[in-house]
Protein backbone atom coordinates (compact mmCIF):
# COMPACT_ATOMS: atom_id res chain seq x y z
CA UNK A 1 0.00 0.00 0.00
CA UNK A 2 1.45 3.42 -0.93
CA UNK A 3 2.47 5.72 1.87
CA UNK A 4 -0.06 8.47 2.65
CA UNK A 5 1.57 11.82 2.11
CA UNK A 6 0.20 15.31 2.55
CA UNK A 7 0.02 15.66 -1.26
CA UNK A 8 -2.03 12.45 -1.67
CA UNK A 9 -4.37 13.39 1.18
CA UNK A 10 -5.00 16.86 -0.28
CA UNK A 11 -5.58 15.32 -3.72
CA UNK A 12 -8.16 12.94 -2.28
CA UNK A 13 -9.95 15.79 -0.46
CA UNK A 14 -9.97 17.93 -3.62
CA UNK A 15 -11.37 15.03 -5.66
CA UNK A 16 -14.13 14.41 -3.14
CA UNK A 17 -15.01 18.12 -3.07
CA UNK A 18 -15.21 18.20 -6.88
CA UNK A 19 -17.47 15.14 -6.90
CA UNK A 20 -19.80 16.74 -4.34
CA UNK A 21 -19.94 19.93 -6.39
CA UNK A 22 -20.91 18.02 -9.53
CA UNK A 23 -23.52 16.00 -7.61
CA UNK A 24 -24.96 19.16 -6.07
CA UNK A 25 -25.17 20.85 -9.47
CA UNK A 26 -26.91 17.84 -11.00
CA UNK A 27 -29.41 17.72 -8.14
CA UNK A 28 -30.14 21.42 -8.52
CA UNK A 29 -30.71 20.96 -12.24
CA UNK A 30 -33.49 18.40 -11.75
CA UNK A 31 -35.14 20.10 -8.78
CA UNK A 32 -38.45 21.57 -9.94
CA UNK A 33 -38.78 25.32 -9.64
CA UNK A 34 -41.86 26.73 -7.92
CA UNK A 35 -44.45 28.16 -10.27
CA UNK A 36 -44.12 31.92 -10.57
CA UNK A 37 -47.11 34.11 -9.91
CA UNK A 38 -48.77 35.65 -12.94
CA UNK A 39 -46.87 38.77 -14.01
CA UNK A 40 -48.53 42.05 -13.16
CA UNK A 41 -50.17 44.11 -15.88
CA UNK A 42 -48.37 47.29 -16.92
CA UNK A 43 -49.00 50.33 -19.10
CA UNK A 44 -46.27 52.93 -19.34
CA UNK A 45 -44.27 55.13 -21.67
CA UNK A 46 -40.68 53.94 -21.91
CA UNK A 47 -38.12 55.82 -24.02
CA UNK A 48 -41.00 57.60 -25.77
CA UNK A 49 -42.79 54.34 -26.66
CA UNK A 50 -46.00 53.08 -25.06
CA UNK A 51 -45.54 49.58 -23.72
CA UNK A 52 -48.41 47.53 -22.35
CA UNK A 53 -48.70 44.06 -20.94
CA UNK A 54 -51.54 42.10 -19.42
CA UNK A 55 -52.84 38.57 -19.08
CA UNK A 56 -54.67 37.46 -22.21
CA UNK A 57 -56.93 34.49 -21.97
CA UNK A 58 -57.58 33.13 -25.44
CA UNK A 59 -56.29 36.13 -27.39
CA UNK A 60 -52.98 36.82 -29.06
CA UNK A 61 -50.76 34.56 -31.13
CA UNK A 62 -51.75 30.86 -30.95
CA UNK A 63 -54.33 31.73 -28.32
CA UNK A 64 -51.67 33.09 -25.98
CA UNK A 65 -50.01 29.67 -25.68
CA UNK A 66 -46.32 30.58 -25.93
CA UNK A 67 -46.63 33.69 -23.79
CA UNK A 68 -48.33 31.78 -21.02
CA UNK A 69 -51.54 33.71 -21.66
CA UNK A 70 -49.78 37.08 -21.56
CA UNK A 71 -49.85 39.77 -24.26
CA UNK A 72 -47.29 42.56 -24.71
CA UNK A 73 -47.74 45.53 -27.02
CA UNK A 74 -45.43 48.31 -28.17
CA UNK A 75 -47.27 51.33 -29.54
CA UNK A 76 -50.33 49.10 -30.00
CA UNK A 77 -48.53 46.38 -32.00
CA UNK A 78 -48.23 42.93 -30.45
CA UNK A 79 -44.74 41.89 -29.41
CA UNK A 80 -44.62 38.10 -29.59
CA UNK A 81 -43.35 36.91 -26.18
CA UNK A 82 -42.71 33.43 -24.89
CA UNK A 83 -42.21 32.15 -21.37
CA UNK A 84 -39.45 29.60 -20.90
CA UNK A 85 -39.74 26.55 -18.67
CA UNK A 86 -37.62 28.27 -16.00
CA UNK A 87 -40.05 31.20 -15.82
CA UNK A 88 -37.91 33.66 -17.80
CA UNK A 89 -39.23 35.49 -20.85
CA UNK A 90 -38.00 36.08 -24.40
CA UNK A 91 -39.38 37.87 -27.45
CA UNK A 92 -38.90 37.75 -31.19
CA UNK A 93 -36.81 40.90 -30.88
CA UNK A 94 -34.54 39.53 -28.11
CA UNK A 95 -34.80 35.81 -28.77
CA UNK A 96 -31.43 34.83 -27.30
CA UNK A 97 -31.59 36.92 -24.13
CA UNK A 98 -33.85 36.04 -21.21
CA UNK A 99 -35.67 38.46 -18.93
CA UNK A 100 -37.37 38.09 -15.58
CA UNK A 101 -40.67 39.74 -16.53
CA UNK A 102 -42.70 40.69 -19.61
CA UNK A 103 -42.12 44.36 -18.71
CA UNK A 104 -38.36 43.81 -18.89
CA UNK A 105 -38.81 42.07 -22.28
CA UNK A 106 -40.84 45.03 -23.59
CA UNK A 107 -38.27 47.57 -22.39
CA UNK A 108 -35.41 45.59 -23.94
CA UNK A 109 -37.30 45.36 -27.23
CA UNK A 110 -37.81 49.14 -27.25
CA UNK A 111 -34.08 49.63 -26.80
CA UNK A 112 -33.27 47.08 -29.51
CA UNK A 113 -35.71 48.63 -31.99
CA UNK A 114 -33.88 51.98 -31.71
CA UNK A 115 -36.96 53.92 -32.82
CA UNK A 116 -38.00 51.51 -35.58
CA UNK A 117 -41.60 50.39 -35.72
CA UNK A 118 -42.52 46.94 -34.53
CA UNK A 119 -43.74 44.94 -37.50
CA UNK A 120 -46.46 42.38 -36.68
CA UNK A 121 -45.29 38.78 -36.74
CA UNK A 122 -47.09 36.92 -39.52
CA UNK A 123 -47.36 33.26 -38.62
CA UNK A 124 -49.47 30.91 -40.66
C-alpha atoms as a PDB file:
ATOM      1  CA  UNK A   1       0.000   0.000   0.000  1.00  0.00           C
ATOM      2  CA  UNK A   2       1.449   3.418  -0.932  1.00  0.00           C
ATOM      3  CA  UNK A   3       2.468   5.717   1.868  1.00  0.00           C
ATOM      4  CA  UNK A   4      -0.055   8.474   2.654  1.00  0.00           C
ATOM      5  CA  UNK A   5       1.572  11.822   2.110  1.00  0.00           C
ATOM      6  CA  UNK A   6       0.196  15.306   2.546  1.00  0.00           C
ATOM      7  CA  UNK A   7       0.020  15.664  -1.264  1.00  0.00           C
ATOM      8  CA  UNK A   8      -2.034  12.454  -1.671  1.00  0.00           C
ATOM      9  CA  UNK A   9      -4.374  13.393   1.181  1.00  0.00           C
ATOM     10  CA  UNK A  10      -4.995  16.857  -0.277  1.00  0.00           C
ATOM     11  CA  UNK A  11      -5.578  15.321  -3.717  1.00  0.00           C
ATOM     12  CA  UNK A  12      -8.163  12.943  -2.278  1.00  0.00           C
ATOM     13  CA  UNK A  13      -9.948  15.786  -0.465  1.00  0.00           C
ATOM     14  CA  UNK A  14      -9.966  17.933  -3.623  1.00  0.00           C
ATOM     15  CA  UNK A  15     -11.368  15.033  -5.662  1.00  0.00           C
ATOM     16  CA  UNK A  16     -14.126  14.414  -3.143  1.00  0.00           C
ATOM     17  CA  UNK A  17     -15.008  18.123  -3.073  1.00  0.00           C
ATOM     18  CA  UNK A  18     -15.211  18.203  -6.884  1.00  0.00           C
ATOM     19  CA  UNK A  19     -17.469  15.137  -6.901  1.00  0.00           C
ATOM     20  CA  UNK A  20     -19.798  16.735  -4.338  1.00  0.00           C
ATOM     21  CA  UNK A  21     -19.938  19.929  -6.389  1.00  0.00           C
ATOM     22  CA  UNK A  22     -20.908  18.018  -9.529  1.00  0.00           C
ATOM     23  CA  UNK A  23     -23.515  16.002  -7.614  1.00  0.00           C
ATOM     24  CA  UNK A  24     -24.964  19.156  -6.074  1.00  0.00           C
ATOM     25  CA  UNK A  25     -25.168  20.852  -9.469  1.00  0.00           C
ATOM     26  CA  UNK A  26     -26.905  17.836 -10.997  1.00  0.00           C
ATOM     27  CA  UNK A  27     -29.405  17.716  -8.141  1.00  0.00           C
ATOM     28  CA  UNK A  28     -30.140  21.415  -8.517  1.00  0.00           C
ATOM     29  CA  UNK A  29     -30.707  20.957 -12.244  1.00  0.00           C
ATOM     30  CA  UNK A  30     -33.490  18.402 -11.745  1.00  0.00           C
ATOM     31  CA  UNK A  31     -35.141  20.099  -8.777  1.00  0.00           C
ATOM     32  CA  UNK A  32     -38.454  21.571  -9.944  1.00  0.00           C
ATOM     33  CA  UNK A  33     -38.783  25.316  -9.635  1.00  0.00           C
ATOM     34  CA  UNK A  34     -41.860  26.727  -7.924  1.00  0.00           C
ATOM     35  CA  UNK A  35     -44.454  28.157 -10.273  1.00  0.00           C
ATOM     36  CA  UNK A  36     -44.120  31.919 -10.566  1.00  0.00           C
ATOM     37  CA  UNK A  37     -47.106  34.108  -9.910  1.00  0.00           C
ATOM     38  CA  UNK A  38     -48.768  35.654 -12.936  1.00  0.00           C
ATOM     39  CA  UNK A  39     -46.868  38.766 -14.007  1.00  0.00           C
ATOM     40  CA  UNK A  40     -48.527  42.049 -13.155  1.00  0.00           C
ATOM     41  CA  UNK A  41     -50.169  44.110 -15.877  1.00  0.00           C
ATOM     42  CA  UNK A  42     -48.373  47.288 -16.916  1.00  0.00           C
ATOM     43  CA  UNK A  43     -49.002  50.331 -19.102  1.00  0.00           C
ATOM     44  CA  UNK A  44     -46.270  52.934 -19.336  1.00  0.00           C
ATOM     45  CA  UNK A  45     -44.269  55.134 -21.665  1.00  0.00           C
ATOM     46  CA  UNK A  46     -40.676  53.943 -21.914  1.00  0.00           C
ATOM     47  CA  UNK A  47     -38.123  55.822 -24.019  1.00  0.00           C
ATOM     48  CA  UNK A  48     -41.003  57.602 -25.766  1.00  0.00           C
ATOM     49  CA  UNK A  49     -42.793  54.342 -26.657  1.00  0.00           C
ATOM     50  CA  UNK A  50     -46.000  53.081 -25.058  1.00  0.00           C
ATOM     51  CA  UNK A  51     -45.540  49.576 -23.721  1.00  0.00           C
ATOM     52  CA  UNK A  52     -48.409  47.531 -22.347  1.00  0.00           C
ATOM     53  CA  UNK A  53     -48.702  44.059 -20.941  1.00  0.00           C
ATOM     54  CA  UNK A  54     -51.536  42.100 -19.416  1.00  0.00           C
ATOM     55  CA  UNK A  55     -52.836  38.574 -19.082  1.00  0.00           C
ATOM     56  CA  UNK A  56     -54.667  37.457 -22.210  1.00  0.00           C
ATOM     57  CA  UNK A  57     -56.928  34.486 -21.974  1.00  0.00           C
ATOM     58  CA  UNK A  58     -57.579  33.131 -25.436  1.00  0.00           C
ATOM     59  CA  UNK A  59     -56.285  36.133 -27.391  1.00  0.00           C
ATOM     60  CA  UNK A  60     -52.982  36.821 -29.064  1.00  0.00           C
ATOM     61  CA  UNK A  61     -50.762  34.558 -31.127  1.00  0.00           C
ATOM     62  CA  UNK A  62     -51.749  30.865 -30.946  1.00  0.00           C
ATOM     63  CA  UNK A  63     -54.332  31.727 -28.315  1.00  0.00           C
ATOM     64  CA  UNK A  64     -51.674  33.085 -25.983  1.00  0.00           C
ATOM     65  CA  UNK A  65     -50.011  29.675 -25.677  1.00  0.00           C
ATOM     66  CA  UNK A  66     -46.322  30.584 -25.927  1.00  0.00           C
ATOM     67  CA  UNK A  67     -46.633  33.688 -23.792  1.00  0.00           C
ATOM     68  CA  UNK A  68     -48.330  31.783 -21.023  1.00  0.00           C
ATOM     69  CA  UNK A  69     -51.538  33.710 -21.662  1.00  0.00           C
ATOM     70  CA  UNK A  70     -49.781  37.081 -21.558  1.00  0.00           C
ATOM     71  CA  UNK A  71     -49.849  39.766 -24.259  1.00  0.00           C
ATOM     72  CA  UNK A  72     -47.295  42.560 -24.706  1.00  0.00           C
ATOM     73  CA  UNK A  73     -47.742  45.535 -27.021  1.00  0.00           C
ATOM     74  CA  UNK A  74     -45.429  48.306 -28.170  1.00  0.00           C
ATOM     75  CA  UNK A  75     -47.273  51.330 -29.542  1.00  0.00           C
ATOM     76  CA  UNK A  76     -50.328  49.103 -30.000  1.00  0.00           C
ATOM     77  CA  UNK A  77     -48.533  46.382 -31.995  1.00  0.00           C
ATOM     78  CA  UNK A  78     -48.231  42.928 -30.453  1.00  0.00           C
ATOM     79  CA  UNK A  79     -44.737  41.886 -29.406  1.00  0.00           C
ATOM     80  CA  UNK A  80     -44.622  38.096 -29.588  1.00  0.00           C
ATOM     81  CA  UNK A  81     -43.354  36.905 -26.183  1.00  0.00           C
ATOM     82  CA  UNK A  82     -42.705  33.427 -24.894  1.00  0.00           C
ATOM     83  CA  UNK A  83     -42.213  32.151 -21.371  1.00  0.00           C
ATOM     84  CA  UNK A  84     -39.447  29.596 -20.903  1.00  0.00           C
ATOM     85  CA  UNK A  85     -39.738  26.546 -18.667  1.00  0.00           C
ATOM     86  CA  UNK A  86     -37.619  28.274 -16.004  1.00  0.00           C
ATOM     87  CA  UNK A  87     -40.053  31.202 -15.815  1.00  0.00           C
ATOM     88  CA  UNK A  88     -37.912  33.663 -17.796  1.00  0.00           C
ATOM     89  CA  UNK A  89     -39.232  35.494 -20.846  1.00  0.00           C
ATOM     90  CA  UNK A  90     -37.996  36.080 -24.398  1.00  0.00           C
ATOM     91  CA  UNK A  91     -39.383  37.872 -27.447  1.00  0.00           C
ATOM     92  CA  UNK A  92     -38.901  37.748 -31.193  1.00  0.00           C
ATOM     93  CA  UNK A  93     -36.807  40.897 -30.877  1.00  0.00           C
ATOM     94  CA  UNK A  94     -34.541  39.528 -28.110  1.00  0.00           C
ATOM     95  CA  UNK A  95     -34.795  35.807 -28.772  1.00  0.00           C
ATOM     96  CA  UNK A  96     -31.432  34.827 -27.302  1.00  0.00           C
ATOM     97  CA  UNK A  97     -31.585  36.920 -24.133  1.00  0.00           C
ATOM     98  CA  UNK A  98     -33.850  36.044 -21.214  1.00  0.00           C
ATOM     99  CA  UNK A  99     -35.668  38.459 -18.932  1.00  0.00           C
ATOM    100  CA  UNK A 100     -37.373  38.087 -15.576  1.00  0.00           C
ATOM    101  CA  UNK A 101     -40.667  39.739 -16.534  1.00  0.00           C
ATOM    102  CA  UNK A 102     -42.703  40.689 -19.614  1.00  0.00           C
ATOM    103  CA  UNK A 103     -42.122  44.365 -18.706  1.00  0.00           C
ATOM    104  CA  UNK A 104     -38.364  43.815 -18.893  1.00  0.00           C
ATOM    105  CA  UNK A 105     -38.813  42.069 -22.278  1.00  0.00           C
ATOM    106  CA  UNK A 106     -40.835  45.029 -23.592  1.00  0.00           C
ATOM    107  CA  UNK A 107     -38.271  47.570 -22.389  1.00  0.00           C
ATOM    108  CA  UNK A 108     -35.406  45.591 -23.940  1.00  0.00           C
ATOM    109  CA  UNK A 109     -37.304  45.359 -27.231  1.00  0.00           C
ATOM    110  CA  UNK A 110     -37.814  49.141 -27.253  1.00  0.00           C
ATOM    111  CA  UNK A 111     -34.077  49.634 -26.802  1.00  0.00           C
ATOM    112  CA  UNK A 112     -33.274  47.084 -29.512  1.00  0.00           C
ATOM    113  CA  UNK A 113     -35.715  48.634 -31.988  1.00  0.00           C
ATOM    114  CA  UNK A 114     -33.880  51.982 -31.707  1.00  0.00           C
ATOM    115  CA  UNK A 115     -36.955  53.924 -32.823  1.00  0.00           C
ATOM    116  CA  UNK A 116     -37.999  51.513 -35.584  1.00  0.00           C
ATOM    117  CA  UNK A 117     -41.604  50.390 -35.716  1.00  0.00           C
ATOM    118  CA  UNK A 118     -42.524  46.944 -34.525  1.00  0.00           C
ATOM    119  CA  UNK A 119     -43.741  44.941 -37.500  1.00  0.00           C
ATOM    120  CA  UNK A 120     -46.458  42.384 -36.683  1.00  0.00           C
ATOM    121  CA  UNK A 121     -45.286  38.779 -36.736  1.00  0.00           C
ATOM    122  CA  UNK A 122     -47.092  36.924 -39.524  1.00  0.00           C
ATOM    123  CA  UNK A 123     -47.362  33.257 -38.624  1.00  0.00           C
ATOM    124  CA  UNK A 124     -49.469  30.905 -40.658  1.00  0.00           C
END
